[in-house]
C-alpha atoms as a PDB file:
ATOM      1  CA  MET A   1     -13.229 -43.983-104.683  1.00  0.00           C
ATOM      2  CA  MET A   2     -16.201 -43.011-102.517  1.00  0.00           C
ATOM      3  CA  ASN A   3     -15.524 -45.898-100.131  1.00  0.00           C
ATOM      4  CA  THR A   4     -11.918 -44.761 -99.737  1.00  0.00           C
ATOM      5  CA  PHE A   5     -13.022 -41.207 -98.998  1.00  0.00           C
ATOM      6  CA  LEU A   6     -15.562 -42.435 -96.432  1.00  0.00           C
ATOM      7  CA  GLN A   7     -12.871 -44.566 -94.778  1.00  0.00           C
ATOM      8  CA  LEU A   8     -10.515 -41.583 -94.607  1.00  0.00           C
ATOM      9  CA  ASN A   9     -13.286 -39.398 -93.196  1.00  0.00           C
ATOM     10  CA  THR A  10     -14.210 -41.983 -90.556  1.00  0.00           C
ATOM     11  CA  ILE A  11     -10.608 -42.424 -89.411  1.00  0.00           C
ATOM     12  CA  PHE A  12     -10.061 -38.649 -89.372  1.00  0.00           C
ATOM     13  CA  ILE A  13     -13.110 -38.014 -87.186  1.00  0.00           C
ATOM     14  CA  SER A  14     -12.273 -40.900 -84.848  1.00  0.00           C
ATOM     15  CA  ILE A  15      -8.729 -39.561 -84.321  1.00  0.00           C
ATOM     16  CA  LEU A  16     -10.094 -36.099 -83.511  1.00  0.00           C
ATOM     17  CA  ILE A  17     -12.717 -37.457 -81.111  1.00  0.00           C
ATOM     18  CA  GLU A  18     -10.090 -39.602 -79.409  1.00  0.00           C
ATOM     19  CA  SER A  19      -7.517 -36.796 -79.121  1.00  0.00           C
ATOM     20  CA  LEU A  20      -9.484 -33.607 -78.447  1.00  0.00           C
ATOM     21  CA  PRO A  21     -10.361 -34.283 -74.762  1.00  0.00           C
ATOM     22  CA  PHE A  22      -6.691 -34.801 -73.947  1.00  0.00           C
ATOM     23  CA  VAL A  23      -5.611 -31.715 -75.884  1.00  0.00           C
ATOM     24  CA  VAL A  24      -8.170 -29.657 -73.963  1.00  0.00           C
ATOM     25  CA  LEU A  25      -6.807 -31.119 -70.719  1.00  0.00           C
ATOM     26  CA  GLY A  26      -3.251 -30.310 -71.780  1.00  0.00           C
ATOM     27  CA  VAL A  27      -3.904 -26.676 -72.703  1.00  0.00           C
ATOM     28  CA  PHE A  28      -5.929 -26.211 -69.499  1.00  0.00           C
ATOM     29  CA  VAL A  29      -3.055 -27.526 -67.369  1.00  0.00           C
ATOM     30  CA  SER A  30      -0.768 -25.221 -69.360  1.00  0.00           C
ATOM     31  CA  GLY A  31      -3.041 -22.311 -68.452  1.00  0.00           C
ATOM     32  CA  VAL A  32      -3.019 -23.279 -64.768  1.00  0.00           C
ATOM     33  CA  ILE A  33       0.785 -23.418 -64.806  1.00  0.00           C
ATOM     34  CA  GLN A  34       0.913 -19.997 -66.456  1.00  0.00           C
ATOM     35  CA  MET A  35      -1.456 -18.287 -64.002  1.00  0.00           C
ATOM     36  CA  PHE A  36      -0.867 -20.098 -60.709  1.00  0.00           C
ATOM     37  CA  VAL A  37       2.737 -21.318 -60.754  1.00  0.00           C
ATOM     38  CA  SER A  38       5.661 -18.918 -60.608  1.00  0.00           C
ATOM     39  CA  GLU A  39       9.058 -19.515 -62.199  1.00  0.00           C
ATOM     40  CA  GLU A  40      10.611 -19.811 -58.763  1.00  0.00           C
ATOM     41  CA  THR A  41       8.160 -22.546 -57.768  1.00  0.00           C
ATOM     42  CA  VAL A  42       8.745 -24.539 -60.945  1.00  0.00           C
ATOM     43  CA  GLN A  43      12.504 -24.317 -60.569  1.00  0.00           C
ATOM     44  CA  ARG A  44      12.292 -25.506 -56.942  1.00  0.00           C
ATOM     45  CA  TRP A  45      10.566 -28.668 -58.144  1.00  0.00           C
ATOM     46  CA  VAL A  46      13.563 -29.639 -60.278  1.00  0.00           C
ATOM     47  CA  PRO A  47      16.623 -31.054 -58.469  1.00  0.00           C
ATOM     48  CA  LYS A  48      19.799 -29.025 -58.959  1.00  0.00           C
ATOM     49  CA  ASN A  49      21.851 -32.098 -59.843  1.00  0.00           C
ATOM     50  CA  ARG A  50      21.383 -32.813 -63.553  1.00  0.00           C
ATOM     51  CA  GLY A  51      21.419 -36.589 -63.202  1.00  0.00           C
ATOM     52  CA  LEU A  52      18.808 -36.535 -60.442  1.00  0.00           C
ATOM     53  CA  ALA A  53      16.728 -34.035 -62.407  1.00  0.00           C
ATOM     54  CA  ILE A  54      16.651 -36.312 -65.458  1.00  0.00           C
ATOM     55  CA  VAL A  55      15.607 -39.383 -63.456  1.00  0.00           C
ATOM     56  CA  TYR A  56      13.084 -37.395 -61.404  1.00  0.00           C
ATOM     57  CA  ALA A  57      11.506 -35.909 -64.557  1.00  0.00           C
ATOM     58  CA  ALA A  58      11.290 -39.323 -66.226  1.00  0.00           C
ATOM     59  CA  LEU A  59       9.525 -40.859 -63.215  1.00  0.00           C
ATOM     60  CA  VAL A  60       7.181 -37.991 -62.309  1.00  0.00           C
ATOM     61  CA  GLY A  61       5.261 -38.663 -65.519  1.00  0.00           C
ATOM     62  CA  VAL A  62       3.504 -41.486 -63.672  1.00  0.00           C
ATOM     63  CA  LEU A  63       1.400 -38.816 -61.939  1.00  0.00           C
ATOM     64  CA  PHE A  64       0.052 -37.264 -65.154  1.00  0.00           C
ATOM     65  CA  PRO A  65      -2.800 -39.073 -66.980  1.00  0.00           C
ATOM     66  CA  SER A  66      -1.987 -37.482 -70.328  1.00  0.00           C
ATOM     67  CA  CYS A  67      -1.542 -38.587 -73.914  1.00  0.00           C
ATOM     68  CA  GLU A  68       1.134 -37.561 -76.391  1.00  0.00           C
ATOM     69  CA  CYS A  69      -0.989 -34.665 -77.686  1.00  0.00           C
ATOM     70  CA  SER A  70      -1.738 -33.024 -74.355  1.00  0.00           C
ATOM     71  CA  ILE A  71       1.805 -33.252 -73.012  1.00  0.00           C
ATOM     72  CA  VAL A  72       3.399 -31.006 -75.674  1.00  0.00           C
ATOM     73  CA  PRO A  73       1.735 -27.727 -74.598  1.00  0.00           C
ATOM     74  CA  ILE A  74       2.431 -28.580 -70.947  1.00  0.00           C
ATOM     75  CA  THR A  75       6.097 -29.186 -71.731  1.00  0.00           C
ATOM     76  CA  ARG A  76       6.366 -25.977 -73.728  1.00  0.00           C
ATOM     77  CA  ARG A  77       4.937 -24.032 -70.807  1.00  0.00           C
ATOM     78  CA  LEU A  78       7.345 -25.657 -68.342  1.00  0.00           C
ATOM     79  CA  VAL A  79      10.317 -24.797 -70.563  1.00  0.00           C
ATOM     80  CA  ALA A  80       9.049 -21.220 -70.879  1.00  0.00           C
ATOM     81  CA  LYS A  81       8.890 -21.094 -67.077  1.00  0.00           C
ATOM     82  CA  GLY A  82      12.550 -22.026 -66.830  1.00  0.00           C
ATOM     83  CA  VAL A  83      12.601 -25.835 -66.595  1.00  0.00           C
ATOM     84  CA  PRO A  84      15.746 -26.999 -68.458  1.00  0.00           C
ATOM     85  CA  LEU A  85      15.330 -29.183 -71.534  1.00  0.00           C
ATOM     86  CA  TYR A  86      17.153 -32.087 -69.910  1.00  0.00           C
ATOM     87  CA  ALA A  87      14.294 -32.292 -67.376  1.00  0.00           C
ATOM     88  CA  ALA A  88      11.351 -31.193 -69.544  1.00  0.00           C
ATOM     89  CA  VAL A  89      11.997 -33.625 -72.406  1.00  0.00           C
ATOM     90  CA  PRO A  90      12.166 -36.829 -70.282  1.00  0.00           C
ATOM     91  CA  PHE A  91       8.909 -35.777 -68.617  1.00  0.00           C
ATOM     92  CA  MET A  92       7.334 -35.227 -72.040  1.00  0.00           C
ATOM     93  CA  LEU A  93       8.478 -38.657 -73.249  1.00  0.00           C
ATOM     94  CA  THR A  94       7.394 -40.770 -70.277  1.00  0.00           C
ATOM     95  CA  ALA A  95       4.140 -39.120 -69.179  1.00  0.00           C
ATOM     96  CA  PRO A  96       2.102 -40.596 -72.083  1.00  0.00           C
ATOM     97  CA  VAL A  97       3.585 -44.056 -71.442  1.00  0.00           C
ATOM     98  CA  ILE A  98       3.905 -44.699 -67.709  1.00  0.00           C
ATOM     99  CA  ASN A  99       0.796 -43.016 -66.348  1.00  0.00           C
ATOM    100  CA  PRO A 100      -1.650 -45.368 -64.554  1.00  0.00           C
ATOM    101  CA  VAL A 101      -4.343 -45.264 -67.266  1.00  0.00           C
ATOM    102  CA  VAL A 102      -1.945 -46.381 -69.987  1.00  0.00           C
ATOM    103  CA  LEU A 103      -0.311 -49.069 -67.876  1.00  0.00           C
ATOM    104  CA  PHE A 104      -3.695 -50.467 -66.848  1.00  0.00           C
ATOM    105  CA  SER A 105      -4.885 -50.584 -70.460  1.00  0.00           C
ATOM    106  CA  THR A 106      -1.659 -52.402 -71.366  1.00  0.00           C
ATOM    107  CA  TYR A 107      -2.263 -54.909 -68.558  1.00  0.00           C
ATOM    108  CA  ILE A 108      -5.783 -55.632 -69.838  1.00  0.00           C
ATOM    109  CA  ALA A 109      -4.802 -55.745 -73.525  1.00  0.00           C
ATOM    110  CA  PHE A 110      -2.092 -58.350 -72.928  1.00  0.00           C
ATOM    111  CA  GLY A 111      -4.270 -60.777 -71.037  1.00  0.00           C
ATOM    112  CA  SER A 112      -3.773 -59.471 -67.488  1.00  0.00           C
ATOM    113  CA  SER A 113      -0.042 -60.078 -67.732  1.00  0.00           C
ATOM    114  CA  TRP A 114       2.539 -57.824 -66.079  1.00  0.00           C
ATOM    115  CA  THR A 115       5.344 -58.727 -68.481  1.00  0.00           C
ATOM    116  CA  MET A 116       4.550 -56.172 -71.174  1.00  0.00           C
ATOM    117  CA  VAL A 117       3.469 -53.576 -68.587  1.00  0.00           C
ATOM    118  CA  LEU A 118       6.851 -53.681 -66.831  1.00  0.00           C
ATOM    119  CA  CYS A 119       8.770 -53.867 -70.093  1.00  0.00           C
ATOM    120  CA  ARG A 120       6.912 -50.867 -71.517  1.00  0.00           C
ATOM    121  CA  ALA A 121       7.415 -48.741 -68.412  1.00  0.00           C
ATOM    122  CA  LEU A 122      11.101 -49.582 -67.933  1.00  0.00           C
ATOM    123  CA  PHE A 123      11.861 -49.295 -71.648  1.00  0.00           C
ATOM    124  CA  ALA A 124      10.205 -45.849 -71.843  1.00  0.00           C
ATOM    125  CA  CYS A 125      12.059 -44.606 -68.766  1.00  0.00           C
ATOM    126  CA  ALA A 126      15.386 -45.851 -70.122  1.00  0.00           C
ATOM    127  CA  VAL A 127      14.840 -44.070 -73.440  1.00  0.00           C
ATOM    128  CA  ALA A 128      13.729 -40.872 -71.676  1.00  0.00           C
ATOM    129  CA  VAL A 129      16.787 -40.877 -69.391  1.00  0.00           C
ATOM    130  CA  ALA A 130      19.092 -41.472 -72.365  1.00  0.00           C
ATOM    131  CA  VAL A 131      17.525 -38.605 -74.329  1.00  0.00           C
ATOM    132  CA  GLY A 132      17.664 -36.401 -71.223  1.00  0.00           C
ATOM    133  CA  ALA A 133      21.376 -37.112 -70.862  1.00  0.00           C
ATOM    134  CA  VAL A 134      21.922 -36.017 -74.466  1.00  0.00           C
ATOM    135  CA  MET A 135      19.907 -32.861 -73.774  1.00  0.00           C
ATOM    136  CA  ALA A 136      22.109 -32.088 -70.754  1.00  0.00           C
ATOM    137  CA  ILE A 137      25.271 -32.421 -72.837  1.00  0.00           C
ATOM    138  CA  ARG A 138      24.281 -30.875 -76.169  1.00  0.00           C
ATOM    139  CA  HIS A 139      21.427 -28.427 -75.564  1.00  0.00           C
ATOM    140  CA  GLU A 140      21.792 -25.549 -73.117  1.00  0.00           C
ATOM    141  CA  GLY A 141      19.084 -23.146 -74.328  1.00  0.00           C
ATOM    142  CA  SER A 142      15.316 -23.481 -74.269  1.00  0.00           C
ATOM    143  CA  GLU A 143      15.064 -24.225 -78.045  1.00  0.00           C
ATOM    144  CA  LEU A 144      11.583 -22.656 -78.053  1.00  0.00           C
ATOM    145  CA  ARG A 145      10.464 -21.081 -81.311  1.00  0.00           C
ATOM    146  CA  HIS A 146       9.707 -17.886 -79.416  1.00  0.00           C
ATOM    147  CA  GLU A 147      12.491 -17.161 -76.963  1.00  0.00           C
ATOM    148  CA  ARG A 148      10.542 -14.610 -74.924  1.00  0.00           C
ATOM    149  CA  ARG A 149      10.675 -15.734 -71.302  1.00  0.00           C
ATOM    150  CA  GLU A 150       7.547 -15.632 -69.192  1.00  0.00           C
ATOM    151  CA  MET A 151       7.457 -12.539 -67.002  1.00  0.00           C
ATOM    152  CA  PRO A 152       7.132 -13.130 -63.256  1.00  0.00           C
ATOM    153  CA  MET A 153       3.494 -13.084 -62.214  1.00  0.00           C
ATOM    154  CA  MET A 154       2.179 -10.042 -60.463  1.00  0.00           C
ATOM    155  CA  PRO A 155      -0.149 -10.666 -57.517  1.00  0.00           C
ATOM    156  CA  ARG A 156      -3.677 -11.326 -58.749  1.00  0.00           C
ATOM    157  CA  THR A 157      -6.999 -12.163 -57.171  1.00  0.00           C
ATOM    158  CA  TRP A 158      -8.347 -15.679 -57.585  1.00  0.00           C
ATOM    159  CA  LYS A 159     -10.981 -14.365 -59.986  1.00  0.00           C
ATOM    160  CA  GLU A 160      -8.359 -12.731 -62.185  1.00  0.00           C
ATOM    161  CA  LYS A 161      -6.243 -15.888 -62.172  1.00  0.00           C
ATOM    162  CA  ILE A 162      -9.204 -18.074 -63.161  1.00  0.00           C
ATOM    163  CA  VAL A 163     -10.204 -15.700 -65.964  1.00  0.00           C
ATOM    164  CA  GLY A 164      -6.564 -15.571 -67.103  1.00  0.00           C
ATOM    165  CA  THR A 165      -6.400 -19.369 -67.088  1.00  0.00           C
ATOM    166  CA  LEU A 166      -9.488 -19.615 -69.302  1.00  0.00           C
ATOM    167  CA  HIS A 167      -8.161 -16.986 -71.715  1.00  0.00           C
ATOM    168  CA  HIS A 168      -4.805 -18.724 -71.904  1.00  0.00           C
ATOM    169  CA  THR A 169      -6.501 -22.112 -72.423  1.00  0.00           C
ATOM    170  CA  ILE A 170      -8.532 -20.771 -75.339  1.00  0.00           C
ATOM    171  CA  ASP A 171      -5.524 -19.098 -76.968  1.00  0.00           C
ATOM    172  CA  GLU A 172      -3.390 -22.216 -76.506  1.00  0.00           C
ATOM    173  CA  PHE A 173      -6.137 -24.479 -77.843  1.00  0.00           C
ATOM    174  CA  PHE A 174      -6.471 -22.560 -81.104  1.00  0.00           C
ATOM    175  CA  ALA A 175      -2.692 -22.322 -81.465  1.00  0.00           C
ATOM    176  CA  THR A 176      -2.287 -26.067 -80.927  1.00  0.00           C
ATOM    177  CA  GLY A 177      -5.574 -27.343 -82.349  1.00  0.00           C
ATOM    178  CA  LYS A 178      -4.779 -26.478 -85.962  1.00  0.00           C
ATOM    179  CA  TYR A 179      -1.725 -28.737 -85.825  1.00  0.00           C
ATOM    180  CA  LEU A 180      -3.823 -31.503 -84.296  1.00  0.00           C
ATOM    181  CA  ILE A 181      -6.292 -31.230 -87.190  1.00  0.00           C
ATOM    182  CA  ILE A 182      -3.521 -31.254 -89.804  1.00  0.00           C
ATOM    183  CA  GLY A 183      -1.802 -34.162 -88.067  1.00  0.00           C
ATOM    184  CA  ALA A 184      -5.053 -36.106 -87.745  1.00  0.00           C
ATOM    185  CA  PHE A 185      -5.736 -35.658 -91.456  1.00  0.00           C
ATOM    186  CA  ILE A 186      -2.234 -36.798 -92.450  1.00  0.00           C
ATOM    187  CA  ALA A 187      -2.482 -39.788 -90.104  1.00  0.00           C
ATOM    188  CA  SER A 188      -5.897 -40.760 -91.459  1.00  0.00           C
ATOM    189  CA  ALA A 189      -4.638 -40.448 -95.042  1.00  0.00           C
ATOM    190  CA  MET A 190      -1.641 -42.629 -94.252  1.00  0.00           C
ATOM    191  CA  GLN A 191      -3.855 -45.222 -92.590  1.00  0.00           C
ATOM    192  CA  THR A 192      -6.131 -45.205 -95.629  1.00  0.00           C
ATOM    193  CA  TYR A 193      -3.530 -45.354 -98.376  1.00  0.00           C
ATOM    194  CA  VAL A 194      -0.575 -47.076 -96.679  1.00  0.00           C
ATOM    195  CA  LYS A 195      -1.700 -50.638 -96.207  1.00  0.00           C
ATOM    196  CA  THR A 196      -0.727 -52.338 -92.959  1.00  0.00           C
ATOM    197  CA  SER A 197      -0.289 -55.591 -94.861  1.00  0.00           C
ATOM    198  CA  ALA A 198       2.473 -53.981 -96.938  1.00  0.00           C
ATOM    199  CA  LEU A 199       4.398 -53.107 -93.784  1.00  0.00           C
ATOM    200  CA  VAL A 200       3.794 -56.520 -92.231  1.00  0.00           C
ATOM    201  CA  SER A 201       5.142 -58.231 -95.337  1.00  0.00           C
ATOM    202  CA  ILE A 202       8.565 -56.617 -94.916  1.00  0.00           C
ATOM    203  CA  GLY A 203       8.768 -57.129 -91.153  1.00  0.00           C
ATOM    204  CA  ASN A 204      10.801 -60.321 -91.234  1.00  0.00           C
ATOM    205  CA  GLY A 205      13.815 -60.551 -88.939  1.00  0.00           C
ATOM    206  CA  LYS A 206      14.561 -58.851 -85.626  1.00  0.00           C
ATOM    207  CA  VAL A 207      15.803 -55.576 -87.104  1.00  0.00           C
ATOM    208  CA  ALA A 208      13.061 -55.267 -89.711  1.00  0.00           C
ATOM    209  CA  ALA A 209      10.340 -56.149 -87.196  1.00  0.00           C
ATOM    210  CA  SER A 210      11.344 -53.292 -84.890  1.00  0.00           C
ATOM    211  CA  LEU A 211      11.580 -50.790 -87.734  1.00  0.00           C
ATOM    212  CA  VAL A 212       8.211 -51.806 -89.183  1.00  0.00           C
ATOM    213  CA  MET A 213       6.410 -51.583 -85.843  1.00  0.00           C
ATOM    214  CA  MET A 214       7.986 -48.194 -85.094  1.00  0.00           C
ATOM    215  CA  ALA A 215       6.892 -46.939 -88.509  1.00  0.00           C
ATOM    216  CA  LEU A 216       3.423 -48.356 -87.904  1.00  0.00           C
ATOM    217  CA  ALA A 217       3.210 -46.608 -84.529  1.00  0.00           C
ATOM    218  CA  PHE A 218       4.088 -43.288 -86.176  1.00  0.00           C
ATOM    219  CA  VAL A 219       1.630 -43.781 -89.047  1.00  0.00           C
ATOM    220  CA  LEU A 220      -1.336 -44.960 -86.975  1.00  0.00           C
ATOM    221  CA  SER A 221      -0.911 -42.094 -84.464  1.00  0.00           C
ATOM    222  CA  LEU A 222      -2.985 -43.903 -81.850  1.00  0.00           C
ATOM    223  CA  CYS A 223      -3.791 -42.426 -78.459  1.00  0.00           C
ATOM    224  CA  SER A 224      -1.512 -44.027 -75.874  1.00  0.00           C
ATOM    225  CA  GLU A 225      -4.536 -45.058 -73.794  1.00  0.00           C
ATOM    226  CA  ALA A 226      -5.673 -47.359 -76.629  1.00  0.00           C
ATOM    227  CA  ASP A 227      -2.560 -48.432 -78.535  1.00  0.00           C
ATOM    228  CA  ALA A 228      -1.946 -51.538 -76.405  1.00  0.00           C
ATOM    229  CA  PHE A 229      -5.078 -53.183 -77.806  1.00  0.00           C
ATOM    230  CA  ILE A 230      -3.789 -52.679 -81.353  1.00  0.00           C
ATOM    231  CA  ALA A 231      -0.348 -53.968 -80.373  1.00  0.00           C
ATOM    232  CA  SER A 232      -1.822 -57.088 -78.810  1.00  0.00           C
ATOM    233  CA  SER A 233      -3.538 -57.920 -82.101  1.00  0.00           C
ATOM    234  CA  PHE A 234      -0.071 -58.277 -83.683  1.00  0.00           C
ATOM    235  CA  GLN A 235       1.180 -60.851 -81.163  1.00  0.00           C
ATOM    236  CA  SER A 236       0.938 -63.690 -83.665  1.00  0.00           C
ATOM    237  CA  THR A 237       2.713 -61.638 -86.356  1.00  0.00           C
ATOM    238  CA  PHE A 238       5.530 -59.774 -84.612  1.00  0.00           C
ATOM    239  CA  PRO A 239       7.921 -60.749 -81.789  1.00  0.00           C
ATOM    240  CA  PHE A 240       7.793 -59.291 -78.281  1.00  0.00           C
ATOM    241  CA  HIS A 241      10.619 -56.779 -78.790  1.00  0.00           C
ATOM    242  CA  ALA A 242       8.887 -55.251 -81.839  1.00  0.00           C
ATOM    243  CA  LEU A 243       5.611 -54.871 -79.923  1.00  0.00           C
ATOM    244  CA  ALA A 244       7.538 -53.124 -77.127  1.00  0.00           C
ATOM    245  CA  ALA A 245       9.071 -50.749 -79.685  1.00  0.00           C
ATOM    246  CA  PHE A 246       5.567 -49.991 -81.004  1.00  0.00           C
ATOM    247  CA  LEU A 247       4.252 -49.238 -77.505  1.00  0.00           C
ATOM    248  CA  VAL A 248       7.144 -46.938 -76.596  1.00  0.00           C
ATOM    249  CA  TYR A 249       7.804 -45.154 -79.887  1.00  0.00           C
ATOM    250  CA  GLY A 250       4.172 -44.296 -80.708  1.00  0.00           C
ATOM    251  CA  PRO A 251       3.453 -42.232 -77.562  1.00  0.00           C
ATOM    252  CA  MET A 252       6.788 -40.437 -77.949  1.00  0.00           C
ATOM    253  CA  LEU A 253       6.489 -39.690 -81.662  1.00  0.00           C
ATOM    254  CA  ASP A 254       3.558 -39.782 -84.033  1.00  0.00           C
ATOM    255  CA  VAL A 255       2.206 -37.564 -86.801  1.00  0.00           C
ATOM    256  CA  LYS A 256       0.084 -35.403 -84.487  1.00  0.00           C
ATOM    257  CA  ASN A 257       2.548 -34.595 -81.745  1.00  0.00           C
ATOM    258  CA  THR A 258       5.423 -34.178 -84.223  1.00  0.00           C
ATOM    259  CA  LEU A 259       3.586 -31.262 -85.827  1.00  0.00           C
ATOM    260  CA  MET A 260       2.902 -29.853 -82.364  1.00  0.00           C
ATOM    261  CA  LEU A 261       6.602 -30.110 -81.548  1.00  0.00           C
ATOM    262  CA  PHE A 262       7.466 -28.124 -84.685  1.00  0.00           C
ATOM    263  CA  GLN A 263       4.941 -25.503 -83.623  1.00  0.00           C
ATOM    264  CA  SER A 264       6.493 -25.200 -80.152  1.00  0.00           C
ATOM    265  CA  PHE A 265      10.235 -25.723 -80.692  1.00  0.00           C
ATOM    266  CA  ARG A 266      12.833 -24.818 -83.273  1.00  0.00           C
ATOM    267  CA  ALA A 267      12.772 -27.106 -86.299  1.00  0.00           C
ATOM    268  CA  ARG A 268      16.449 -27.982 -86.023  1.00  0.00           C
ATOM    269  CA  PHE A 269      15.988 -29.115 -82.433  1.00  0.00           C
ATOM    270  CA  VAL A 270      12.879 -31.158 -83.278  1.00  0.00           C
ATOM    271  CA  TRP A 271      14.713 -33.037 -86.039  1.00  0.00           C
ATOM    272  CA  LYS A 272      17.499 -33.860 -83.590  1.00  0.00           C
ATOM    273  CA  LEU A 273      14.976 -34.959 -80.965  1.00  0.00           C
ATOM    274  CA  ILE A 274      13.298 -37.247 -83.509  1.00  0.00           C
ATOM    275  CA  ALA A 275      16.680 -38.770 -84.322  1.00  0.00           C
ATOM    276  CA  TYR A 276      17.569 -39.303 -80.641  1.00  0.00           C
ATOM    277  CA  ILE A 277      14.256 -40.980 -79.834  1.00  0.00           C
ATOM    278  CA  THR A 278      14.331 -43.162 -82.945  1.00  0.00           C
ATOM    279  CA  VAL A 279      17.877 -44.375 -82.355  1.00  0.00           C
ATOM    280  CA  PHE A 280      17.370 -45.115 -78.652  1.00  0.00           C
ATOM    281  CA  VAL A 281      14.027 -46.903 -79.119  1.00  0.00           C
ATOM    282  CA  PHE A 282      15.394 -48.971 -81.995  1.00  0.00           C
ATOM    283  CA  ALA A 283      18.611 -49.883 -80.185  1.00  0.00           C
ATOM    284  CA  GLY A 284      16.713 -50.640 -76.979  1.00  0.00           C
ATOM    285  CA  SER A 285      14.266 -52.935 -78.749  1.00  0.00           C
ATOM    286  CA  LEU A 286      17.141 -55.027 -80.091  1.00  0.00           C
ATOM    287  CA  LEU A 287      18.414 -55.546 -76.543  1.00  0.00           C
ATOM    288  CA  ILE A 288      15.102 -56.880 -75.226  1.00  0.00           C
END
């Protein structure tokens, strides 16, 4: 019993240590967007054509070295600033997958091979574009839990903007951090009490392999900068397409960022988003 508790405690602390720096980065960027970027500026960044906006948003994630935890507050702030869901959601889905840090770690983890790197990047972009297309057709509003739009910024001095950024960062951190802690605890409990061997034992066949690895990605709730090393350890157990599903699904949905999504967006929308991502990742993995 004591050994189990110590294992849970160790996993819980390791998840927090791994995630906290990126959450701090995410809420800080959110604060910068709030204080320094006007609604008009944000809206000028997004192409007017919906198709171009979806593709642009999916690809611009390559410029943001973020993980799945830090990207949620940034996305919420962009939506509050007027970025449509069909552009904000693809950005949220690809940024933790196709940024240079994650792709480089994937390259190293899979023996300096570009095969999985390219597959992961293209697969993630395809899923993000597909989800963005659904957003453009079915979701017109912001779907934020709090519909209050951000007021246009009044002119401020640099000092006032910096102080405002710090205040916003602190407020956002405490609003988001509690969900990170709850998510980290749930993930650590699942890792402790849900044995990986039990999942592996049912992962026979192409369909089952994808489903098991997607479930494992959600349960483990690994940081996207490190998940490739875990995936590579399953190369002798699971086929390539299932490993790709693991590497795409995990950064898009895990225990931690799912709770953050529920904190930021309406529950009904989040459940639909989970369904869209799950269906597209699963279907895509079967085509690989």
